[in-house]
Amino acid sequence: MTIKGRKYEVRGLSKHNGKLKATVKGILYDKSKKRLHVDTVDFYSARSKNFLIKGLCDLFGADESAIVQDVERLLELAEDYQRPEQIQDKEQMTTQDKKAALSFLKKPGHV
């Protein structure tokens, strides 16, 4: 995600036990150099988010309120994210659909 020249990458997202953890990388292209700030954050922990925000403010030289908004947007995206296997699981047949299909196949003349 890029917001006003501030680039972010989120990896290793995991949701469990009331936590939403990820590794967040802030990337700044400064002239010919690439500068990074990488941190593992629990988006549901104020302390964890505050450490991330401070590091990103230092990296980007941006106002804290702007970085707070960026992190809130990352949180929203992280909450909405579904791994591809989670999406695939939703497309599988329900138990009721399986029973109906098996019942249909067991009728005379369908096998």
C-alpha atoms as a PDB file:
ATOM      1  CA  MET A   1       0.000   0.000   0.000  1.00  0.00           C
ATOM      2  CA  THR A   2       1.299   3.460  -0.815  1.00  0.00           C
ATOM      3  CA  ILE A   3      -0.096   6.634   0.746  1.00  0.00           C
ATOM      4  CA  LYS A   4       1.349  10.015  -0.260  1.00  0.00           C
ATOM      5  CA  GLY A   5       4.725   8.490  -1.104  1.00  0.00           C
ATOM      6  CA  ARG A   6       4.844   6.337   2.035  1.00  0.00           C
ATOM      7  CA  LYS A   7       5.087   2.698   0.991  1.00  0.00           C
ATOM      8  CA  TYR A   8       4.045  -0.175   3.254  1.00  0.00           C
ATOM      9  CA  GLU A   9       4.258  -3.945   2.922  1.00  0.00           C
ATOM     10  CA  VAL A  10       2.474  -6.326   5.286  1.00  0.00           C
ATOM     11  CA  ARG A  11       3.522  -9.962   5.575  1.00  0.00           C
ATOM     12  CA  GLY A  12       2.899 -12.941   7.821  1.00  0.00           C
ATOM     13  CA  LEU A  13      -0.580 -11.882   8.869  1.00  0.00           C
ATOM     14  CA  SER A  14      -2.083 -14.101  11.555  1.00  0.00           C
ATOM     15  CA  LYS A  15      -5.405 -13.831  13.362  1.00  0.00           C
ATOM     16  CA  HIS A  16      -5.906 -15.922  16.479  1.00  0.00           C
ATOM     17  CA  ASN A  17      -6.484 -15.741  20.224  1.00  0.00           C
ATOM     18  CA  GLY A  18      -7.756 -12.163  20.051  1.00  0.00           C
ATOM     19  CA  LYS A  19      -4.593 -10.944  18.323  1.00  0.00           C
ATOM     20  CA  LEU A  20      -3.963  -9.647  14.843  1.00  0.00           C
ATOM     21  CA  LYS A  21      -0.232  -9.859  14.193  1.00  0.00           C
ATOM     22  CA  ALA A  22       1.798  -9.010  11.114  1.00  0.00           C
ATOM     23  CA  THR A  23       5.201  -7.836  10.021  1.00  0.00           C
ATOM     24  CA  VAL A  24       4.976  -4.299   8.658  1.00  0.00           C
ATOM     25  CA  LYS A  25       7.697  -2.838   6.478  1.00  0.00           C
ATOM     26  CA  GLY A  26       7.830   0.900   5.827  1.00  0.00           C
ATOM     27  CA  ILE A  27       9.868   1.706   2.716  1.00  0.00           C
ATOM     28  CA  LEU A  28      11.342   5.088   1.838  1.00  0.00           C
ATOM     29  CA  TYR A  29      13.221   5.719  -1.384  1.00  0.00           C
ATOM     30  CA  ASP A  30      15.614   8.540  -0.501  1.00  0.00           C
ATOM     31  CA  LYS A  31      17.516   9.681  -3.583  1.00  0.00           C
ATOM     32  CA  SER A  32      19.414   6.567  -4.632  1.00  0.00           C
ATOM     33  CA  LYS A  33      19.012   4.802  -1.270  1.00  0.00           C
ATOM     34  CA  LYS A  34      16.253   2.611   0.029  1.00  0.00           C
ATOM     35  CA  ARG A  35      15.545   3.004   3.753  1.00  0.00           C
ATOM     36  CA  LEU A  36      13.399   0.580   5.746  1.00  0.00           C
ATOM     37  CA  HIS A  37      11.661   0.261   9.052  1.00  0.00           C
ATOM     38  CA  VAL A  38      10.503  -3.285   9.796  1.00  0.00           C
ATOM     39  CA  ASP A  39       8.498  -4.245  12.874  1.00  0.00           C
ATOM     40  CA  THR A  40       6.227  -7.059  13.981  1.00  0.00           C
ATOM     41  CA  VAL A  41       3.050  -5.576  15.363  1.00  0.00           C
ATOM     42  CA  ASP A  42      -0.090  -6.737  17.114  1.00  0.00           C
ATOM     43  CA  PHE A  43      -2.681  -4.385  15.639  1.00  0.00           C
ATOM     44  CA  TYR A  44      -4.903  -4.931  18.701  1.00  0.00           C
ATOM     45  CA  SER A  45      -2.187  -3.785  21.126  1.00  0.00           C
ATOM     46  CA  ALA A  46      -1.918  -0.022  21.677  1.00  0.00           C
ATOM     47  CA  ARG A  47       1.647  -0.389  22.934  1.00  0.00           C
ATOM     48  CA  SER A  48       2.702  -2.425  19.910  1.00  0.00           C
ATOM     49  CA  LYS A  49       1.065   0.022  17.484  1.00  0.00           C
ATOM     50  CA  ASN A  50       2.696   3.003  19.238  1.00  0.00           C
ATOM     51  CA  PHE A  51       6.174   1.491  18.763  1.00  0.00           C
ATOM     52  CA  LEU A  52       5.397   0.922  15.085  1.00  0.00           C
ATOM     53  CA  ILE A  53       4.050   4.468  14.646  1.00  0.00           C
ATOM     54  CA  LYS A  54       7.138   6.002  16.269  1.00  0.00           C
ATOM     55  CA  GLY A  55       9.471   4.018  14.007  1.00  0.00           C
ATOM     56  CA  LEU A  56       7.488   4.944  10.894  1.00  0.00           C
ATOM     57  CA  CYS A  57       7.426   8.633  11.897  1.00  0.00           C
ATOM     58  CA  ASP A  58      11.223   8.533  12.191  1.00  0.00           C
ATOM     59  CA  LEU A  59      11.552   6.800   8.819  1.00  0.00           C
ATOM     60  CA  PHE A  60       9.216   9.030   6.843  1.00  0.00           C
ATOM     61  CA  GLY A  61       9.762  12.260   8.784  1.00  0.00           C
ATOM     62  CA  ALA A  62       5.996  12.600   8.797  1.00  0.00           C
ATOM     63  CA  ASP A  63       3.558  14.038  11.306  1.00  0.00           C
ATOM     64  CA  GLU A  64       2.327  11.425  13.806  1.00  0.00           C
ATOM     65  CA  SER A  65      -1.318  12.024  12.892  1.00  0.00           C
ATOM     66  CA  ALA A  66      -0.609  11.058   9.267  1.00  0.00           C
ATOM     67  CA  ILE A  67       1.150   7.839  10.303  1.00  0.00           C
ATOM     68  CA  VAL A  68      -1.648   7.005  12.772  1.00  0.00           C
ATOM     69  CA  GLN A  69      -4.131   7.253   9.871  1.00  0.00           C
ATOM     70  CA  ASP A  70      -1.889   5.017   7.732  1.00  0.00           C
ATOM     71  CA  VAL A  71      -1.689   2.392  10.500  1.00  0.00           C
ATOM     72  CA  GLU A  72      -5.467   2.540  10.998  1.00  0.00           C
ATOM     73  CA  ARG A  73      -5.896   1.868   7.276  1.00  0.00           C
ATOM     74  CA  LEU A  74      -3.457  -1.056   7.494  1.00  0.00           C
ATOM     75  CA  LEU A  75      -5.487  -2.391  10.439  1.00  0.00           C
ATOM     76  CA  GLU A  76      -8.722  -2.204   8.433  1.00  0.00           C
ATOM     77  CA  LEU A  77      -7.135  -4.027   5.499  1.00  0.00           C
ATOM     78  CA  ALA A  78      -5.631  -6.655   7.815  1.00  0.00           C
ATOM     79  CA  GLU A  79      -9.010  -7.298   9.458  1.00  0.00           C
ATOM     80  CA  ASP A  80     -10.650  -7.772   6.053  1.00  0.00           C
ATOM     81  CA  TYR A  81      -7.882  -9.976   4.642  1.00  0.00           C
ATOM     82  CA  GLN A  82      -8.657 -13.621   3.966  1.00  0.00           C
ATOM     83  CA  ARG A  83      -6.011 -16.112   2.949  1.00  0.00           C
ATOM     84  CA  PRO A  84      -6.704 -17.815  -0.391  1.00  0.00           C
ATOM     85  CA  GLU A  85      -7.281 -21.163   1.370  1.00  0.00           C
ATOM     86  CA  GLN A  86      -9.921 -19.499   3.587  1.00  0.00           C
ATOM     87  CA  ILE A  87     -11.764 -18.268   0.511  1.00  0.00           C
ATOM     88  CA  GLN A  88     -11.514 -21.708  -1.094  1.00  0.00           C
ATOM     89  CA  ASP A  89     -12.941 -23.331   2.048  1.00  0.00           C
ATOM     90  CA  LYS A  90     -16.025 -21.139   1.746  1.00  0.00           C
ATOM     91  CA  GLU A  91     -16.603 -22.402  -1.796  1.00  0.00           C
ATOM     92  CA  GLN A  92     -16.747 -26.064  -0.720  1.00  0.00           C
ATOM     93  CA  MET A  93     -20.029 -27.911  -0.411  1.00  0.00           C
ATOM     94  CA  THR A  94     -21.945 -27.725   2.817  1.00  0.00           C
ATOM     95  CA  THR A  95     -22.829 -30.935   4.645  1.00  0.00           C
ATOM     96  CA  GLN A  96     -26.439 -30.502   3.556  1.00  0.00           C
ATOM     97  CA  ASP A  97     -25.389 -30.101  -0.107  1.00  0.00           C
ATOM     98  CA  LYS A  98     -23.242 -33.252   0.122  1.00  0.00           C
ATOM     99  CA  LYS A  99     -26.136 -35.271   1.567  1.00  0.00           C
ATOM    100  CA  ALA A 100     -28.462 -34.049  -1.174  1.00  0.00           C
ATOM    101  CA  ALA A 101     -25.929 -34.921  -3.880  1.00  0.00           C
ATOM    102  CA  LEU A 102     -25.296 -38.400  -2.465  1.00  0.00           C
ATOM    103  CA  SER A 103     -29.035 -39.010  -2.144  1.00  0.00           C
ATOM    104  CA  PHE A 104     -29.512 -38.017  -5.789  1.00  0.00           C
ATOM    105  CA  LEU A 105     -26.701 -40.317  -6.935  1.00  0.00           C
ATOM    106  CA  LYS A 106     -28.111 -43.272  -4.984  1.00  0.00           C
ATOM    107  CA  LYS A 107     -31.470 -43.073  -6.767  1.00  0.00           C
ATOM    108  CA  PRO A 108     -31.975 -45.811  -9.339  1.00  0.00           C
ATOM    109  CA  GLY A 109     -30.790 -44.920 -12.818  1.00  0.00           C
ATOM    110  CA  HIS A 110     -28.270 -42.230 -11.762  1.00  0.00           C
ATOM    111  CA  VAL A 111     -25.164 -44.347 -11.199  1.00  0.00           C
END
